[in-house]
Amino acid sequence: MSRPAAVGEIADRLARRHVGGVVGVLDLSSGEQKILARGSTGRADGSAVTANTFFEIGSITKTFTALVLATMVESGRVRLDTPVRDLLPGVAVPARDGAQITLEHLARHTSGLPRSPQPFARDLWIAVIQQANPYTMDEEAVLAGLGEIRLRRRPGDGHGAYSNLGAGLLGIALRRAAEAGSYQELVSDAVLRPLGLSDTAVRLAPEQQARLAQGHGRRRRPVDAWYLDGLAGAGALRSTAPDLLRYLRAQAEPDATGLGGAIRLTHRLREPARRHTFGLGWMRTQLPTGDMWWHNGGTGGFRSFAGFSTDQRRVAAVLVNDHRGPEAAGFELISGRRRGR
């Protein structure tokens, strides 16, 4: 592990940039875990951030959705090459050049779908200028809009183009295939309960809600919480640093869990020779210190990072309650090097 003082230095550096945040790192060789909290929750009671404070984790949710897919593949309920339209009868799922979008395309961001159901400029205006949630549509609205979309490329072609719409659509398709009542039920049954993640959820229980930080946008202005009902699979989860470290440990040591086969499936790379590429849900980046698997997340008032390296035998999570990304701290916690060096 980074020497203890170094972890503290990273946390202190983070505190100077953010309203509040939590840094968590686990050394898989020694079992040593360190979680440091700094700054304010921003809540009206003036409370400080603690190790068990909840944060919106945004797009880190995509890795959970991909793991749900992998568990359903392992159980035989779906295949990676199952066309999405087979799970959504009556929905006009777009295709191009004779190729249908599959579940794997959605998980690897190779579907050809745009980043968002709406023009990205509109999303940016609502999120940054109005400081509101641009993803307020429900599932039916998301599905109804698919018929108006023309794919940018043939599904499966190219290196991938990141799509919140694709990940959200994956969550909808899997929920319906599993006959789950909600995304929360889907991810709880497939991932959260099997891995013992009791502090990760879409909608928080009252005791958990009391531990949720207030999010902040530009100029540290408080912003409303984001709920992504229609695109839940893309970014609806909230979590804590201890739960994320437990989740990341399962990713790095899959055989120690009951989901080993499914976890390994999410780590299967389409283009392993590329320095930066996608698994299922996860991004893999080759660094001088070894491969790092990671994902970041961002909502209106929160930013997050989760990553692990089996080469470094280290996992790390960084959570903050404002709009400035903590990725550099996450990279440094895992690799021991400043990002870009």
Protein backbone atom coordinates (compact mmCIF):
# COMPACT_ATOMS: atom_id res chain seq x y z
CA MET A 1 0.00 0.00 0.00
CA SER A 2 1.04 3.60 -0.36
CA ARG A 3 2.71 4.48 2.90
CA PRO A 4 -0.01 5.66 5.37
CA ALA A 5 1.22 9.26 5.28
CA ALA A 6 0.82 9.31 1.50
CA VAL A 7 -2.85 8.29 1.76
CA GLY A 8 -3.36 11.07 4.29
CA GLU A 9 -1.63 13.54 2.00
CA ILE A 10 -3.94 12.59 -0.85
CA ALA A 11 -6.98 13.00 1.40
CA ASP A 12 -5.74 16.40 2.60
CA ARG A 13 -5.11 17.49 -0.97
CA LEU A 14 -8.61 16.39 -1.90
CA ALA A 15 -10.07 18.38 1.01
CA ARG A 16 -8.60 21.60 -0.36
CA ARG A 17 -10.43 21.09 -3.66
CA HIS A 18 -13.82 19.81 -2.54
CA VAL A 19 -16.67 20.56 -0.15
CA GLY A 20 -16.25 17.13 1.36
CA GLY A 21 -15.03 13.69 0.44
CA VAL A 22 -13.93 10.22 1.43
CA VAL A 23 -10.82 8.33 0.33
CA GLY A 24 -10.76 4.57 0.75
CA VAL A 25 -7.92 2.20 -0.12
CA LEU A 26 -7.39 -1.50 0.54
CA ASP A 27 -4.15 -3.45 0.22
CA LEU A 28 -5.12 -6.94 -0.90
CA SER A 29 -1.81 -8.49 0.15
CA SER A 30 -1.86 -7.33 3.76
CA GLY A 31 -5.59 -6.79 4.20
CA GLU A 32 -4.90 -3.29 5.50
CA GLN A 33 -7.78 -0.92 4.81
CA LYS A 34 -7.73 2.82 5.31
CA ILE A 35 -10.72 5.15 4.94
CA LEU A 36 -10.23 8.87 5.51
CA ALA A 37 -13.07 11.42 5.51
CA ARG A 38 -12.60 15.14 5.11
CA GLY A 39 -14.79 18.25 4.91
CA SER A 40 -18.50 18.88 5.16
CA THR A 41 -21.60 16.98 4.08
CA GLY A 42 -23.07 20.36 3.19
CA ARG A 43 -26.25 19.47 5.04
CA ALA A 44 -28.21 22.02 7.05
CA ASP A 45 -27.02 20.44 10.31
CA GLY A 46 -23.41 21.29 9.43
CA SER A 47 -22.28 17.70 9.90
CA ALA A 48 -18.86 16.51 8.82
CA VAL A 49 -18.32 13.76 6.27
CA THR A 50 -17.62 10.35 7.81
CA ALA A 51 -16.48 7.02 6.40
CA ASN A 52 -20.14 5.94 6.22
CA THR A 53 -21.52 9.00 4.44
CA PHE A 54 -23.57 8.22 1.35
CA PHE A 55 -22.76 9.73 -2.05
CA GLU A 56 -24.37 9.44 -5.46
CA ILE A 57 -21.93 7.28 -7.45
CA GLY A 58 -23.31 8.04 -10.91
CA SER A 59 -21.82 5.97 -13.72
CA ILE A 60 -20.04 3.51 -11.44
CA THR A 61 -23.56 2.05 -11.46
CA LYS A 62 -22.80 0.80 -15.00
CA THR A 63 -20.39 -1.78 -13.60
CA PHE A 64 -23.17 -3.15 -11.36
CA THR A 65 -25.54 -3.34 -14.33
CA ALA A 66 -22.90 -5.19 -16.35
CA LEU A 67 -22.43 -7.65 -13.48
CA VAL A 68 -26.20 -8.25 -13.43
CA LEU A 69 -25.90 -9.09 -17.14
CA ALA A 70 -23.03 -11.47 -16.44
CA THR A 71 -24.98 -13.29 -13.69
CA MET A 72 -27.91 -13.73 -16.08
CA VAL A 73 -25.57 -15.08 -18.77
CA GLU A 74 -24.07 -17.50 -16.24
CA SER A 75 -27.55 -18.72 -15.26
CA GLY A 76 -28.60 -19.14 -18.90
CA ARG A 77 -31.40 -16.58 -18.77
CA VAL A 78 -29.82 -14.49 -21.55
CA ARG A 79 -26.76 -14.61 -23.82
CA LEU A 80 -24.30 -11.83 -24.54
CA ASP A 81 -25.45 -11.95 -28.15
CA THR A 82 -29.16 -11.78 -27.27
CA PRO A 83 -30.69 -9.01 -29.41
CA VAL A 84 -32.17 -6.29 -27.21
CA ARG A 85 -35.35 -6.27 -29.29
CA ASP A 86 -36.01 -9.89 -28.22
CA LEU A 87 -36.38 -8.68 -24.62
CA LEU A 88 -38.46 -5.62 -25.51
CA PRO A 89 -41.31 -6.84 -27.73
CA GLY A 90 -43.18 -4.02 -29.40
CA VAL A 91 -40.34 -1.54 -28.94
CA ALA A 92 -38.72 -0.02 -32.04
CA VAL A 93 -35.08 -0.80 -31.17
CA PRO A 94 -32.89 0.74 -33.91
CA ALA A 95 -30.61 -1.36 -36.12
CA ARG A 96 -28.15 -0.57 -38.88
CA ASP A 97 -26.86 -2.41 -41.94
CA GLY A 98 -28.64 -5.58 -40.91
CA ALA A 99 -27.01 -5.69 -37.44
CA GLN A 100 -29.12 -5.72 -34.28
CA ILE A 101 -28.02 -4.23 -30.96
CA THR A 102 -27.15 -6.99 -28.50
CA LEU A 103 -26.80 -6.95 -24.72
CA GLU A 104 -23.02 -7.14 -25.11
CA HIS A 105 -23.01 -4.09 -27.38
CA LEU A 106 -24.80 -2.10 -24.66
CA ALA A 107 -22.38 -3.23 -21.93
CA ARG A 108 -19.29 -2.46 -24.08
CA HIS A 109 -20.59 0.87 -25.49
CA THR A 110 -20.45 -0.49 -29.05
CA SER A 111 -24.19 -0.21 -29.79
CA GLY A 112 -23.94 2.90 -31.96
CA LEU A 113 -26.49 4.64 -29.71
CA PRO A 114 -25.89 8.31 -28.84
CA ARG A 115 -24.64 9.36 -25.44
CA SER A 116 -28.08 10.47 -24.27
CA PRO A 117 -31.74 10.12 -25.32
CA GLN A 118 -31.69 13.90 -25.82
CA PRO A 119 -29.22 16.21 -27.58
CA PHE A 120 -26.05 16.41 -25.48
CA ALA A 121 -26.10 20.22 -25.63
CA ARG A 122 -29.52 20.15 -23.97
CA ASP A 123 -28.26 17.83 -21.23
CA LEU A 124 -25.27 20.07 -20.65
CA TRP A 125 -27.42 23.19 -20.43
CA ILE A 126 -29.78 21.64 -17.90
CA ALA A 127 -27.02 20.05 -15.79
CA VAL A 128 -24.47 22.88 -15.82
CA ILE A 129 -26.41 26.10 -16.32
CA GLN A 130 -29.74 25.22 -14.73
CA GLN A 131 -28.06 22.81 -12.27
CA ALA A 132 -30.94 20.37 -12.63
CA ASN A 133 -31.32 16.70 -13.56
CA PRO A 134 -31.52 16.23 -17.36
CA TYR A 135 -32.49 12.55 -17.02
CA THR A 136 -36.01 12.81 -15.64
CA MET A 137 -37.76 10.52 -18.15
CA ASP A 138 -39.25 7.21 -17.09
CA GLU A 139 -38.70 3.86 -18.81
CA GLU A 140 -41.63 4.29 -21.18
CA ALA A 141 -40.33 7.64 -22.35
CA VAL A 142 -36.87 6.18 -22.95
CA LEU A 143 -38.28 3.30 -24.97
CA ALA A 144 -40.65 5.52 -26.93
CA GLY A 145 -37.73 7.69 -28.04
CA LEU A 146 -35.74 4.78 -29.49
CA GLY A 147 -37.79 4.80 -32.66
CA GLU A 148 -36.52 8.29 -33.48
CA ILE A 149 -32.84 7.37 -33.19
CA ARG A 150 -30.57 6.61 -36.12
CA LEU A 151 -27.49 4.67 -35.06
CA ARG A 152 -24.18 6.44 -35.62
CA ARG A 153 -22.47 3.21 -36.67
CA ARG A 154 -23.21 -0.45 -37.20
CA PRO A 155 -23.58 -2.19 -33.80
CA GLY A 156 -20.30 -3.87 -32.85
CA ASP A 157 -18.14 -1.71 -35.13
CA GLY A 158 -15.45 0.67 -33.89
CA HIS A 159 -13.73 0.94 -30.52
CA GLY A 160 -16.85 2.07 -28.66
CA ALA A 161 -18.58 5.36 -27.94
CA TYR A 162 -19.72 5.94 -24.36
CA SER A 163 -23.49 5.90 -24.03
CA ASN A 164 -25.62 6.58 -20.96
CA LEU A 165 -28.61 5.69 -23.09
CA GLY A 166 -27.10 2.29 -23.90
CA ALA A 167 -26.39 1.47 -20.25
CA GLY A 168 -29.84 2.64 -19.23
CA LEU A 169 -31.40 0.52 -21.96
CA LEU A 170 -29.40 -2.48 -20.72
CA GLY A 171 -30.89 -1.99 -17.25
CA ILE A 172 -34.42 -1.84 -18.68
CA ALA A 173 -33.94 -4.96 -20.85
CA LEU A 174 -32.46 -6.99 -17.98
CA ARG A 175 -35.15 -5.87 -15.54
CA ARG A 176 -37.86 -7.03 -17.91
CA ALA A 177 -36.09 -10.30 -18.68
CA ALA A 178 -35.76 -10.99 -14.95
CA GLU A 179 -39.33 -9.83 -14.29
CA ALA A 180 -38.02 -7.60 -11.50
CA GLY A 181 -40.28 -4.84 -10.24
CA SER A 182 -37.55 -2.20 -10.34
CA TYR A 183 -33.86 -1.70 -11.04
CA GLN A 184 -33.33 -1.71 -7.26
CA GLU A 185 -34.88 -5.18 -7.03
CA LEU A 186 -32.88 -6.40 -10.03
CA VAL A 187 -29.47 -5.29 -8.75
CA SER A 188 -30.23 -6.30 -5.16
CA ASP A 189 -31.12 -9.87 -6.10
CA ALA A 190 -28.22 -10.34 -8.52
CA VAL A 191 -25.36 -8.37 -6.93
CA LEU A 192 -25.94 -6.47 -3.70
CA ARG A 193 -27.16 -9.28 -1.48
CA PRO A 194 -24.76 -11.94 -2.83
CA LEU A 195 -21.79 -9.61 -2.19
CA GLY A 196 -23.06 -8.33 1.17
CA LEU A 197 -23.46 -4.73 0.03
CA SER A 198 -25.98 -3.38 2.53
CA ASP A 199 -25.13 0.30 2.00
CA THR A 200 -25.68 0.54 -1.75
CA ALA A 201 -29.12 1.44 -3.10
CA VAL A 202 -31.16 3.58 -5.49
CA ARG A 203 -33.66 4.78 -2.89
CA LEU A 204 -32.30 5.00 0.63
CA ALA A 205 -33.99 3.86 3.82
CA PRO A 206 -34.62 6.67 6.37
CA GLU A 207 -31.50 5.80 8.40
CA GLN A 208 -29.40 5.82 5.22
CA GLN A 209 -30.97 9.04 3.97
CA ALA A 210 -29.77 10.72 7.15
CA ARG A 211 -26.21 9.83 6.06
CA LEU A 212 -26.53 11.19 2.50
CA ALA A 213 -24.30 14.16 1.71
CA GLN A 214 -25.69 17.26 0.04
CA GLY A 215 -24.48 17.58 -3.54
CA HIS A 216 -22.97 20.83 -4.86
CA GLY A 217 -22.69 22.20 -8.38
CA ARG A 218 -20.82 25.19 -9.79
CA ARG A 219 -19.60 27.73 -7.23
CA ARG A 220 -20.43 25.17 -4.54
CA ARG A 221 -24.14 25.82 -4.81
CA PRO A 222 -26.35 23.06 -3.37
CA VAL A 223 -28.19 21.08 -6.04
CA ASP A 224 -31.10 18.65 -5.89
CA ALA A 225 -30.51 14.91 -5.77
CA TRP A 226 -30.62 13.06 -9.08
CA TYR A 227 -33.01 10.14 -9.55
CA LEU A 228 -32.63 8.34 -12.89
CA ASP A 229 -35.78 6.25 -13.00
CA GLY A 230 -35.73 5.63 -16.77
CA LEU A 231 -31.95 5.28 -17.02
CA ALA A 232 -31.32 3.69 -13.64
CA GLY A 233 -28.84 1.19 -15.05
CA ALA A 234 -26.63 4.07 -16.17
CA GLY A 235 -26.22 5.91 -12.89
CA ALA A 236 -28.88 5.62 -10.18
CA LEU A 237 -26.97 4.06 -7.28
CA ARG A 238 -25.84 5.65 -4.03
CA SER A 239 -23.15 4.06 -1.88
CA THR A 240 -20.49 4.46 0.80
CA ALA A 241 -16.74 3.97 0.75
CA PRO A 242 -16.78 0.73 2.83
CA ASP A 243 -19.37 -0.84 0.51
CA LEU A 244 -17.43 0.18 -2.60
CA LEU A 245 -14.21 -1.27 -1.19
CA ARG A 246 -16.03 -4.54 -0.51
CA TYR A 247 -17.35 -4.49 -4.10
CA LEU A 248 -13.90 -3.73 -5.51
CA ARG A 249 -12.31 -6.48 -3.47
CA ALA A 250 -14.80 -8.89 -5.04
CA GLN A 251 -13.74 -7.60 -8.47
CA ALA A 252 -10.07 -8.15 -7.71
CA GLU A 253 -10.58 -11.52 -5.99
CA PRO A 254 -13.61 -13.02 -7.75
CA ASP A 255 -12.96 -16.59 -6.65
CA ALA A 256 -13.51 -15.53 -3.03
CA THR A 257 -17.14 -14.71 -3.86
CA GLY A 258 -20.16 -16.61 -5.07
CA LEU A 259 -20.14 -14.58 -8.28
CA GLY A 260 -16.68 -15.52 -9.50
CA GLY A 261 -17.64 -16.66 -12.98
CA ALA A 262 -19.83 -13.63 -13.60
CA ILE A 263 -17.20 -11.19 -12.34
CA ARG A 264 -14.54 -12.74 -14.56
CA LEU A 265 -16.90 -12.46 -17.51
CA THR A 266 -17.18 -8.69 -16.98
CA HIS A 267 -13.37 -8.51 -17.24
CA ARG A 268 -13.29 -10.13 -20.67
CA LEU A 269 -11.77 -7.58 -23.07
CA ARG A 270 -12.83 -7.05 -26.66
CA GLU A 271 -9.53 -5.41 -27.66
CA PRO A 272 -6.93 -6.46 -25.07
CA ALA A 273 -3.99 -4.97 -27.00
CA ARG A 274 -5.38 -1.44 -26.76
CA ARG A 275 -4.02 0.71 -23.94
CA HIS A 276 -7.51 1.86 -23.00
CA THR A 277 -10.48 -0.39 -23.71
CA PHE A 278 -13.76 -1.69 -22.30
CA GLY A 279 -14.65 -4.88 -20.52
CA LEU A 280 -18.33 -5.28 -19.67
CA GLY A 281 -19.11 -2.09 -17.80
CA TRP A 282 -15.51 -1.55 -16.67
CA MET A 283 -12.76 0.42 -18.38
CA ARG A 284 -9.25 -1.09 -18.46
CA THR A 285 -6.18 1.16 -18.78
CA GLN A 286 -2.60 -0.05 -19.13
CA LEU A 287 -0.26 1.91 -16.84
CA PRO A 288 3.50 1.57 -16.27
CA THR A 289 2.63 -0.06 -12.94
CA GLY A 290 0.25 -2.59 -14.53
CA ASP A 291 -3.35 -2.84 -15.66
CA MET A 292 -5.96 -0.80 -13.83
CA TRP A 293 -9.69 -1.43 -14.02
CA TRP A 294 -11.80 1.56 -13.16
CA HIS A 295 -14.88 3.69 -13.63
CA ASN A 296 -15.77 7.20 -12.61
CA GLY A 297 -19.15 8.76 -11.99
CA GLY A 298 -20.77 12.15 -12.01
CA THR A 299 -24.22 13.51 -11.20
CA GLY A 300 -25.33 17.09 -10.62
CA GLY A 301 -23.63 17.45 -7.25
CA PHE A 302 -21.32 14.44 -6.88
CA ARG A 303 -18.22 12.90 -8.47
CA SER A 304 -16.75 9.48 -7.78
CA PHE A 305 -14.02 7.02 -8.70
CA ALA A 306 -13.69 3.27 -8.16
CA GLY A 307 -10.77 1.18 -9.35
CA PHE A 308 -8.62 -1.88 -8.73
CA SER A 309 -5.36 -3.40 -9.90
CA THR A 310 -4.49 -7.05 -9.47
CA ASP A 311 -0.92 -6.18 -10.44
CA GLN A 312 -0.64 -3.65 -7.61
CA ARG A 313 -2.89 -5.74 -5.33
CA ARG A 314 -4.79 -2.60 -4.43
CA VAL A 315 -8.32 -1.20 -4.71
CA ALA A 316 -9.47 2.36 -4.11
CA ALA A 317 -12.63 4.47 -4.00
CA VAL A 318 -12.91 8.25 -3.88
CA LEU A 319 -16.22 10.06 -3.30
CA VAL A 320 -16.84 13.83 -3.24
CA ASN A 321 -19.96 15.97 -2.99
CA ASP A 322 -19.29 18.59 -5.65
CA HIS A 323 -18.72 18.78 -9.40
CA ARG A 324 -14.91 18.51 -9.55
CA GLY A 325 -13.69 15.05 -10.50
CA PRO A 326 -11.40 13.07 -8.11
CA GLU A 327 -9.97 10.71 -10.74
CA ALA A 328 -6.39 11.89 -10.26
CA ALA A 329 -6.54 10.94 -6.59
CA GLY A 330 -7.95 7.53 -7.47
CA PHE A 331 -5.22 6.82 -10.02
CA GLU A 332 -2.57 7.86 -7.52
CA LEU A 333 -3.99 5.72 -4.72
CA ILE A 334 -3.81 2.61 -6.89
CA SER A 335 -0.67 3.18 -8.94
CA GLY A 336 1.36 5.29 -6.50
CA ARG A 337 1.93 7.77 -9.34
CA ARG A 338 0.29 11.05 -10.18
CA ARG A 339 -1.96 10.69 -13.22
CA GLY A 340 -0.15 11.66 -16.40
CA ARG A 341 3.30 10.97 -14.92
